[in-house]
Amino acid sequence: MGAGGFLLELYHSGIEDLFPLNGDGRILDCYTSPEDAAEKVQYWLSKENEWERRQIAERGYRWVHENATYTHRIRTALEIMGT
């Protein structure tokens, strides 16, 4: 995402607390099984879905650069440590 690519990620509990997964703000897509992954790869690589895939990738790029830089991570770590 940080380099502008589309991310198809294995779903795990709590991922929706870290990343926007639904609606117009979605920045990635998740799969739940190898079969689901295969279906989603076909879906996202089809020409009909190219525009939507690129929009999600662009939102992911912006989200990472606005919310997940090293500066953000260091600030969060310092907050957790109470400094």
PDB file of N, CA and C in Angstrom:
ATOM      1  N   MET A   1       0.815  -1.182   0.000  1.00  0.00           N
ATOM      2  CA  MET A   1       0.000   0.000   0.000  1.00  0.00           C
ATOM      3  C   MET A   1       0.867   1.257   0.000  1.00  0.00           C
ATOM      4  N   GLY A   2       1.916   1.242   0.790  1.00  0.00           N
ATOM      5  CA  GLY A   2       2.753   2.430   0.880  1.00  0.00           C
ATOM      6  C   GLY A   2       3.448   2.780  -0.418  1.00  0.00           C
ATOM      7  N   ALA A   3       3.553   1.801  -1.319  1.00  0.00           N
ATOM      8  CA  ALA A   3       4.168   2.046  -2.619  1.00  0.00           C
ATOM      9  C   ALA A   3       3.125   2.209  -3.719  1.00  0.00           C
ATOM     10  N   GLY A   4       1.835   2.149  -3.338  1.00  0.00           N
ATOM     11  CA  GLY A   4       0.775   2.362  -4.307  1.00  0.00           C
ATOM     12  C   GLY A   4       0.134   1.104  -4.845  1.00  0.00           C
ATOM     13  N   GLY A   5       0.513  -0.048  -4.332  1.00  0.00           N
ATOM     14  CA  GLY A   5      -0.065  -1.296  -4.805  1.00  0.00           C
ATOM     15  C   GLY A   5      -1.355  -1.654  -4.085  1.00  0.00           C
ATOM     16  N   PHE A   6      -2.123  -2.527  -4.701  1.00  0.00           N
ATOM     17  CA  PHE A   6      -3.359  -3.042  -4.124  1.00  0.00           C
ATOM     18  C   PHE A   6      -3.006  -4.176  -3.174  1.00  0.00           C
ATOM     19  N   LEU A   7      -3.650  -4.221  -2.004  1.00  0.00           N
ATOM     20  CA  LEU A   7      -3.361  -5.264  -1.025  1.00  0.00           C
ATOM     21  C   LEU A   7      -4.559  -6.178  -0.845  1.00  0.00           C
ATOM     22  N   LEU A   8      -4.344  -7.473  -1.068  1.00  0.00           N
ATOM     23  CA  LEU A   8      -5.312  -8.521  -0.763  1.00  0.00           C
ATOM     24  C   LEU A   8      -4.690  -9.313   0.381  1.00  0.00           C
ATOM     25  N   GLU A   9      -5.287  -9.228   1.551  1.00  0.00           N
ATOM     26  CA  GLU A   9      -4.698  -9.720   2.793  1.00  0.00           C
ATOM     27  C   GLU A   9      -5.551 -10.829   3.402  1.00  0.00           C
ATOM     28  N   LEU A  10      -4.911 -11.793   4.052  1.00  0.00           N
ATOM     29  CA  LEU A  10      -5.635 -12.818   4.796  1.00  0.00           C
ATOM     30  C   LEU A  10      -6.367 -12.157   5.957  1.00  0.00           C
ATOM     31  N   TYR A  11      -7.666 -12.421   6.067  1.00  0.00           N
ATOM     32  CA  TYR A  11      -8.450 -11.834   7.158  1.00  0.00           C
ATOM     33  C   TYR A  11      -8.045 -12.466   8.475  1.00  0.00           C
ATOM     34  N   HIS A  12      -7.890 -11.630   9.485  1.00  0.00           N
ATOM     35  CA  HIS A  12      -7.715 -12.103  10.848  1.00  0.00           C
ATOM     36  C   HIS A  12      -8.489 -11.173  11.775  1.00  0.00           C
ATOM     37  N   SER A  13      -8.967 -11.733  12.850  1.00  0.00           N
ATOM     38  CA  SER A  13      -9.795 -10.983  13.788  1.00  0.00           C
ATOM     39  C   SER A  13      -9.086  -9.715  14.237  1.00  0.00           C
ATOM     40  N   GLY A  14      -9.787  -8.612  14.165  1.00  0.00           N
ATOM     41  CA  GLY A  14      -9.239  -7.335  14.601  1.00  0.00           C
ATOM     42  C   GLY A  14      -8.672  -6.477  13.483  1.00  0.00           C
ATOM     43  N   ILE A  15      -8.527  -7.023  12.286  1.00  0.00           N
ATOM     44  CA  ILE A  15      -7.940  -6.222  11.194  1.00  0.00           C
ATOM     45  C   ILE A  15      -8.801  -4.999  10.887  1.00  0.00           C
ATOM     46  N   GLU A  16     -10.119  -5.147  11.100  1.00  0.00           N
ATOM     47  CA  GLU A  16     -11.002  -4.004  10.844  1.00  0.00           C
ATOM     48  C   GLU A  16     -10.791  -2.880  11.855  1.00  0.00           C
ATOM     49  N   ASP A  17     -10.145  -3.174  12.981  1.00  0.00           N
ATOM     50  CA  ASP A  17      -9.808  -2.127  13.951  1.00  0.00           C
ATOM     51  C   ASP A  17      -8.577  -1.332  13.522  1.00  0.00           C
ATOM     52  N   LEU A  18      -7.792  -1.906  12.629  1.00  0.00           N
ATOM     53  CA  LEU A  18      -6.566  -1.259  12.173  1.00  0.00           C
ATOM     54  C   LEU A  18      -6.725  -0.531  10.848  1.00  0.00           C
ATOM     55  N   PHE A  19      -7.549  -1.092   9.966  1.00  0.00           N
ATOM     56  CA  PHE A  19      -7.678  -0.562   8.610  1.00  0.00           C
ATOM     57  C   PHE A  19      -9.142  -0.415   8.219  1.00  0.00           C
ATOM     58  N   PRO A  20      -9.475   0.643   7.456  1.00  0.00           N
ATOM     59  CA  PRO A  20     -10.836   0.753   6.911  1.00  0.00           C
ATOM     60  C   PRO A  20     -11.065  -0.342   5.866  1.00  0.00           C
ATOM     61  N   LEU A  21     -12.058  -1.198   6.095  1.00  0.00           N
ATOM     62  CA  LEU A  21     -12.285  -2.337   5.197  1.00  0.00           C
ATOM     63  C   LEU A  21     -13.570  -2.249   4.392  1.00  0.00           C
ATOM     64  N   ASN A  22     -14.456  -1.327   4.739  1.00  0.00           N
ATOM     65  CA  ASN A  22     -15.763  -1.302   4.101  1.00  0.00           C
ATOM     66  C   ASN A  22     -16.074   0.043   3.469  1.00  0.00           C
ATOM     67  N   GLY A  23     -17.009   0.011   2.540  1.00  0.00           N
ATOM     68  CA  GLY A  23     -17.536   1.233   1.953  1.00  0.00           C
ATOM     69  C   GLY A  23     -16.543   1.988   1.094  1.00  0.00           C
ATOM     70  N   ASP A  24     -16.820   3.274   0.942  1.00  0.00           N
ATOM     71  CA  ASP A  24     -16.007   4.115   0.069  1.00  0.00           C
ATOM     72  C   ASP A  24     -14.617   4.377   0.618  1.00  0.00           C
ATOM     73  N   GLY A  25     -14.386   4.106   1.901  1.00  0.00           N
ATOM     74  CA  GLY A  25     -13.078   4.347   2.497  1.00  0.00           C
ATOM     75  C   GLY A  25     -12.185   3.131   2.525  1.00  0.00           C
ATOM     76  N   ARG A  26     -12.620   2.037   1.928  1.00  0.00           N
ATOM     77  CA  ARG A  26     -11.868   0.780   1.967  1.00  0.00           C
ATOM     78  C   ARG A  26     -10.485   0.956   1.342  1.00  0.00           C
ATOM     79  N   ILE A  27      -9.460   0.439   2.033  1.00  0.00           N
ATOM     80  CA  ILE A  27      -8.089   0.596   1.535  1.00  0.00           C
ATOM     81  C   ILE A  27      -7.429  -0.735   1.195  1.00  0.00           C
ATOM     82  N   LEU A  28      -8.119  -1.850   1.416  1.00  0.00           N
ATOM     83  CA  LEU A  28      -7.601  -3.174   1.067  1.00  0.00           C
ATOM     84  C   LEU A  28      -8.763  -4.137   1.038  1.00  0.00           C
ATOM     85  N   ASP A  29      -8.510  -5.351   0.608  1.00  0.00           N
ATOM     86  CA  ASP A  29      -9.536  -6.387   0.643  1.00  0.00           C
ATOM     87  C   ASP A  29      -8.939  -7.596   1.343  1.00  0.00           C
ATOM     88  N   CYS A  30      -9.809  -8.412   1.929  1.00  0.00           N
ATOM     89  CA  CYS A  30      -9.368  -9.594   2.667  1.00  0.00           C
ATOM     90  C   CYS A  30      -9.999 -10.855   2.094  1.00  0.00           C
ATOM     91  N   TYR A  31      -9.292 -11.956   2.260  1.00  0.00           N
ATOM     92  CA  TYR A  31      -9.820 -13.264   1.913  1.00  0.00           C
ATOM     93  C   TYR A  31      -9.794 -14.141   3.157  1.00  0.00           C
ATOM     94  N   THR A  32     -10.603 -15.193   3.155  1.00  0.00           N
ATOM     95  CA  THR A  32     -10.736 -16.038   4.342  1.00  0.00           C
ATOM     96  C   THR A  32     -10.280 -17.478   4.134  1.00  0.00           C
ATOM     97  N   SER A  33     -10.006 -17.855   2.900  1.00  0.00           N
ATOM     98  CA  SER A  33      -9.574 -19.220   2.599  1.00  0.00           C
ATOM     99  C   SER A  33      -8.817 -19.203   1.278  1.00  0.00           C
ATOM    100  N   PRO A  34      -8.102 -20.269   0.970  1.00  0.00           N
ATOM    101  CA  PRO A  34      -7.431 -20.315  -0.340  1.00  0.00           C
ATOM    102  C   PRO A  34      -8.418 -20.186  -1.507  1.00  0.00           C
ATOM    103  N   GLU A  35      -9.587 -20.777  -1.358  1.00  0.00           N
ATOM    104  CA  GLU A  35     -10.598 -20.687  -2.416  1.00  0.00           C
ATOM    105  C   GLU A  35     -11.093 -19.243  -2.564  1.00  0.00           C
ATOM    106  N   ASP A  36     -11.333 -18.587  -1.436  1.00  0.00           N
ATOM    107  CA  ASP A  36     -11.758 -17.184  -1.448  1.00  0.00           C
ATOM    108  C   ASP A  36     -10.675 -16.316  -2.071  1.00  0.00           C
ATOM    109  N   ALA A  37      -9.417 -16.598  -1.742  1.00  0.00           N
ATOM    110  CA  ALA A  37      -8.309 -15.831  -2.315  1.00  0.00           C
ATOM    111  C   ALA A  37      -8.291 -15.970  -3.833  1.00  0.00           C
ATOM    112  N   ALA A  38      -8.454 -17.198  -4.323  1.00  0.00           N
ATOM    113  CA  ALA A  38      -8.442 -17.427  -5.769  1.00  0.00           C
ATOM    114  C   ALA A  38      -9.571 -16.662  -6.457  1.00  0.00           C
ATOM    115  N   GLU A  39     -10.762 -16.687  -5.857  1.00  0.00           N
ATOM    116  CA  GLU A  39     -11.894 -15.957  -6.426  1.00  0.00           C
ATOM    117  C   GLU A  39     -11.631 -14.452  -6.435  1.00  0.00           C
ATOM    118  N   LYS A  40     -11.070 -13.946  -5.347  1.00  0.00           N
ATOM    119  CA  LYS A  40     -10.829 -12.513  -5.266  1.00  0.00           C
ATOM    120  C   LYS A  40      -9.702 -12.072  -6.197  1.00  0.00           C
ATOM    121  N   VAL A  41      -8.706 -12.902  -6.375  1.00  0.00           N
ATOM    122  CA  VAL A  41      -7.645 -12.566  -7.334  1.00  0.00           C
ATOM    123  C   VAL A  41      -8.248 -12.436  -8.724  1.00  0.00           C
ATOM    124  N   GLN A  42      -9.091 -13.392  -9.112  1.00  0.00           N
ATOM    125  CA  GLN A  42      -9.740 -13.312 -10.421  1.00  0.00           C
ATOM    126  C   GLN A  42     -10.603 -12.063 -10.524  1.00  0.00           C
ATOM    127  N   TYR A  43     -11.348 -11.775  -9.476  1.00  0.00           N
ATOM    128  CA  TYR A  43     -12.220 -10.599  -9.474  1.00  0.00           C
ATOM    129  C   TYR A  43     -11.398  -9.324  -9.641  1.00  0.00           C
ATOM    130  N   TRP A  44     -10.381  -9.152  -8.808  1.00  0.00           N
ATOM    131  CA  TRP A  44      -9.626  -7.892  -8.822  1.00  0.00           C
ATOM    132  C   TRP A  44      -8.760  -7.723 -10.056  1.00  0.00           C
ATOM    133  N   LEU A  45      -8.364  -8.818 -10.693  1.00  0.00           N
ATOM    134  CA  LEU A  45      -7.544  -8.699 -11.902  1.00  0.00           C
ATOM    135  C   LEU A  45      -8.364  -8.581 -13.179  1.00  0.00           C
ATOM    136  N   SER A  46      -9.684  -8.720 -13.061  1.00  0.00           N
ATOM    137  CA  SER A  46     -10.508  -8.587 -14.270  1.00  0.00           C
ATOM    138  C   SER A  46     -10.546  -7.123 -14.707  1.00  0.00           C
ATOM    139  N   LYS A  47     -10.612  -6.933 -15.987  1.00  0.00           N
ATOM    140  CA  LYS A  47     -10.619  -5.585 -16.577  1.00  0.00           C
ATOM    141  C   LYS A  47     -11.784  -4.753 -16.056  1.00  0.00           C
ATOM    142  N   GLU A  48     -12.939  -5.406 -15.808  1.00  0.00           N
ATOM    143  CA  GLU A  48     -14.119  -4.676 -15.352  1.00  0.00           C
ATOM    144  C   GLU A  48     -13.912  -4.043 -13.976  1.00  0.00           C
ATOM    145  N   ASN A  49     -13.007  -4.590 -13.176  1.00  0.00           N
ATOM    146  CA  ASN A  49     -12.808  -4.105 -11.814  1.00  0.00           C
ATOM    147  C   ASN A  49     -11.517  -3.311 -11.640  1.00  0.00           C
ATOM    148  N   GLU A  50     -10.850  -3.010 -12.735  1.00  0.00           N
ATOM    149  CA  GLU A  50      -9.574  -2.300 -12.669  1.00  0.00           C
ATOM    150  C   GLU A  50      -9.707  -0.916 -12.021  1.00  0.00           C
ATOM    151  N   TRP A  51     -10.728  -0.180 -12.396  1.00  0.00           N
ATOM    152  CA  TRP A  51     -10.892   1.176 -11.853  1.00  0.00           C
ATOM    153  C   TRP A  51     -11.080   1.122 -10.339  1.00  0.00           C
ATOM    154  N   GLU A  52     -11.962   0.216  -9.869  1.00  0.00           N
ATOM    155  CA  GLU A  52     -12.214   0.094  -8.428  1.00  0.00           C
ATOM    156  C   GLU A  52     -10.937  -0.339  -7.696  1.00  0.00           C
ATOM    157  N   ARG A  53     -10.203  -1.296  -8.259  1.00  0.00           N
ATOM    158  CA  ARG A  53      -8.945  -1.755  -7.662  1.00  0.00           C
ATOM    159  C   ARG A  53      -7.953  -0.608  -7.548  1.00  0.00           C
ATOM    160  N   ARG A  54      -7.854   0.193  -8.579  1.00  0.00           N
ATOM    161  CA  ARG A  54      -6.921   1.330  -8.545  1.00  0.00           C
ATOM    162  C   ARG A  54      -7.348   2.381  -7.521  1.00  0.00           C
ATOM    163  N   GLN A  55      -8.646   2.585  -7.381  1.00  0.00           N
ATOM    164  CA  GLN A  55      -9.144   3.532  -6.381  1.00  0.00           C
ATOM    165  C   GLN A  55      -8.814   3.062  -4.967  1.00  0.00           C
ATOM    166  N   ILE A  56      -9.002   1.784  -4.703  1.00  0.00           N
ATOM    167  CA  ILE A  56      -8.672   1.231  -3.386  1.00  0.00           C
ATOM    168  C   ILE A  56      -7.174   1.350  -3.131  1.00  0.00           C
ATOM    169  N   ALA A  57      -6.373   1.037  -4.136  1.00  0.00           N
ATOM    170  CA  ALA A  57      -4.917   1.152  -3.988  1.00  0.00           C
ATOM    171  C   ALA A  57      -4.504   2.595  -3.708  1.00  0.00           C
ATOM    172  N   GLU A  58      -5.118   3.539  -4.391  1.00  0.00           N
ATOM    173  CA  GLU A  58      -4.800   4.952  -4.174  1.00  0.00           C
ATOM    174  C   GLU A  58      -5.182   5.393  -2.760  1.00  0.00           C
ATOM    175  N   ARG A  59      -6.364   4.963  -2.298  1.00  0.00           N
ATOM    176  CA  ARG A  59      -6.758   5.288  -0.928  1.00  0.00           C
ATOM    177  C   ARG A  59      -5.805   4.654   0.081  1.00  0.00           C
ATOM    178  N   GLY A  60      -5.372   3.432  -0.190  1.00  0.00           N
ATOM    179  CA  GLY A  60      -4.419   2.758   0.692  1.00  0.00           C
ATOM    180  C   GLY A  60      -3.102   3.507   0.768  1.00  0.00           C
ATOM    181  N   TYR A  61      -2.633   3.978  -0.362  1.00  0.00           N
ATOM    182  CA  TYR A  61      -1.393   4.758  -0.407  1.00  0.00           C
ATOM    183  C   TYR A  61      -1.519   6.019   0.451  1.00  0.00           C
ATOM    184  N   ARG A  62      -2.611   6.743   0.244  1.00  0.00           N
ATOM    185  CA  ARG A  62      -2.822   7.972   1.024  1.00  0.00           C
ATOM    186  C   ARG A  62      -2.949   7.663   2.510  1.00  0.00           C
ATOM    187  N   TRP A  63      -3.694   6.603   2.849  1.00  0.00           N
ATOM    188  CA  TRP A  63      -3.899   6.253   4.248  1.00  0.00           C
ATOM    189  C   TRP A  63      -2.566   5.929   4.926  1.00  0.00           C
ATOM    190  N   VAL A  64      -1.743   5.137   4.273  1.00  0.00           N
ATOM    191  CA  VAL A  64      -0.440   4.781   4.862  1.00  0.00           C
ATOM    192  C   VAL A  64       0.395   6.030   5.100  1.00  0.00           C
ATOM    193  N   HIS A  65       0.450   6.914   4.128  1.00  0.00           N
ATOM    194  CA  HIS A  65       1.284   8.114   4.262  1.00  0.00           C
ATOM    195  C   HIS A  65       0.703   9.129   5.253  1.00  0.00           C
ATOM    196  N   GLU A  66      -0.588   9.024   5.528  1.00  0.00           N
ATOM    197  CA  GLU A  66      -1.213   9.922   6.511  1.00  0.00           C
ATOM    198  C   GLU A  66      -1.280   9.318   7.908  1.00  0.00           C
ATOM    199  N   ASN A  67      -1.205   7.986   8.022  1.00  0.00           N
ATOM    200  CA  ASN A  67      -1.461   7.333   9.309  1.00  0.00           C
ATOM    201  C   ASN A  67      -0.432   6.302   9.756  1.00  0.00           C
ATOM    202  N   ALA A  68       0.485   5.927   8.919  1.00  0.00           N
ATOM    203  CA  ALA A  68       1.337   4.792   9.286  1.00  0.00           C
ATOM    204  C   ALA A  68       2.810   4.988   8.909  1.00  0.00           C
ATOM    205  N   THR A  69       3.296   6.201   9.034  1.00  0.00           N
ATOM    206  CA  THR A  69       4.720   6.431   8.774  1.00  0.00           C
ATOM    207  C   THR A  69       5.527   6.088  10.031  1.00  0.00           C
ATOM    208  N   TYR A  70       6.839   6.086   9.935  1.00  0.00           N
ATOM    209  CA  TYR A  70       7.673   5.851  11.109  1.00  0.00           C
ATOM    210  C   TYR A  70       7.392   6.886  12.189  1.00  0.00           C
ATOM    211  N   THR A  71       7.144   8.107  11.786  1.00  0.00           N
ATOM    212  CA  THR A  71       6.826   9.162  12.750  1.00  0.00           C
ATOM    213  C   THR A  71       5.575   8.795  13.542  1.00  0.00           C
ATOM    214  N   HIS A  72       4.552   8.319  12.857  1.00  0.00           N
ATOM    215  CA  HIS A  72       3.332   7.890  13.534  1.00  0.00           C
ATOM    216  C   HIS A  72       3.613   6.736  14.493  1.00  0.00           C
ATOM    217  N   ARG A  73       4.391   5.785  14.058  1.00  0.00           N
ATOM    218  CA  ARG A  73       4.689   4.610  14.886  1.00  0.00           C
ATOM    219  C   ARG A  73       5.485   5.002  16.133  1.00  0.00           C
ATOM    220  N   ILE A  74       6.450   5.890  15.980  1.00  0.00           N
ATOM    221  CA  ILE A  74       7.247   6.332  17.126  1.00  0.00           C
ATOM    222  C   ILE A  74       6.377   7.095  18.115  1.00  0.00           C
ATOM    223  N   ARG A  75       5.523   7.986  17.595  1.00  0.00           N
ATOM    224  CA  ARG A  75       4.600   8.726  18.466  1.00  0.00           C
ATOM    225  C   ARG A  75       3.711   7.764  19.257  1.00  0.00           C
ATOM    226  N   THR A  76       3.183   6.765  18.594  1.00  0.00           N
ATOM    227  CA  THR A  76       2.319   5.796  19.260  1.00  0.00           C
ATOM    228  C   THR A  76       3.101   5.034  20.334  1.00  0.00           C
ATOM    229  N   ALA A  77       4.313   4.608  20.007  1.00  0.00           N
ATOM    230  CA  ALA A  77       5.135   3.890  20.989  1.00  0.00           C
ATOM    231  C   ALA A  77       5.413   4.767  22.199  1.00  0.00           C
ATOM    232  N   LEU A  78       5.733   6.034  21.986  1.00  0.00           N
ATOM    233  CA  LEU A  78       6.002   6.952  23.093  1.00  0.00           C
ATOM    234  C   LEU A  78       4.756   7.179  23.938  1.00  0.00           C
ATOM    235  N   GLU A  79       3.597   7.257  23.299  1.00  0.00           N
ATOM    236  CA  GLU A  79       2.346   7.404  24.047  1.00  0.00           C
ATOM    237  C   GLU A  79       2.095   6.178  24.930  1.00  0.00           C
ATOM    238  N   ILE A  80       2.343   5.006  24.368  1.00  0.00           N
ATOM    239  CA  ILE A  80       2.135   3.773  25.133  1.00  0.00           C
ATOM    240  C   ILE A  80       3.094   3.708  26.317  1.00  0.00           C
ATOM    241  N   MET A  81       4.324   4.170  26.106  1.00  0.00           N
ATOM    242  CA  MET A  81       5.318   4.146  27.185  1.00  0.00           C
ATOM    243  C   MET A  81       5.084   5.262  28.194  1.00  0.00           C
ATOM    244  N   GLY A  82       4.202   6.198  27.859  1.00  0.00           N
ATOM    245  CA  GLY A  82       3.883   7.265  28.778  1.00  0.00           C
ATOM    246  C   GLY A  82       4.900   8.390  28.820  1.00  0.00           C
ATOM    247  N   THR A  83       5.600   8.588  27.730  1.00  0.00           N
ATOM    248  CA  THR A  83       6.577   9.686  27.686  1.00  0.00           C
ATOM    249  C   THR A  83       6.105  10.783  26.783  1.00  0.00           C
TER     250      THR A  83
END
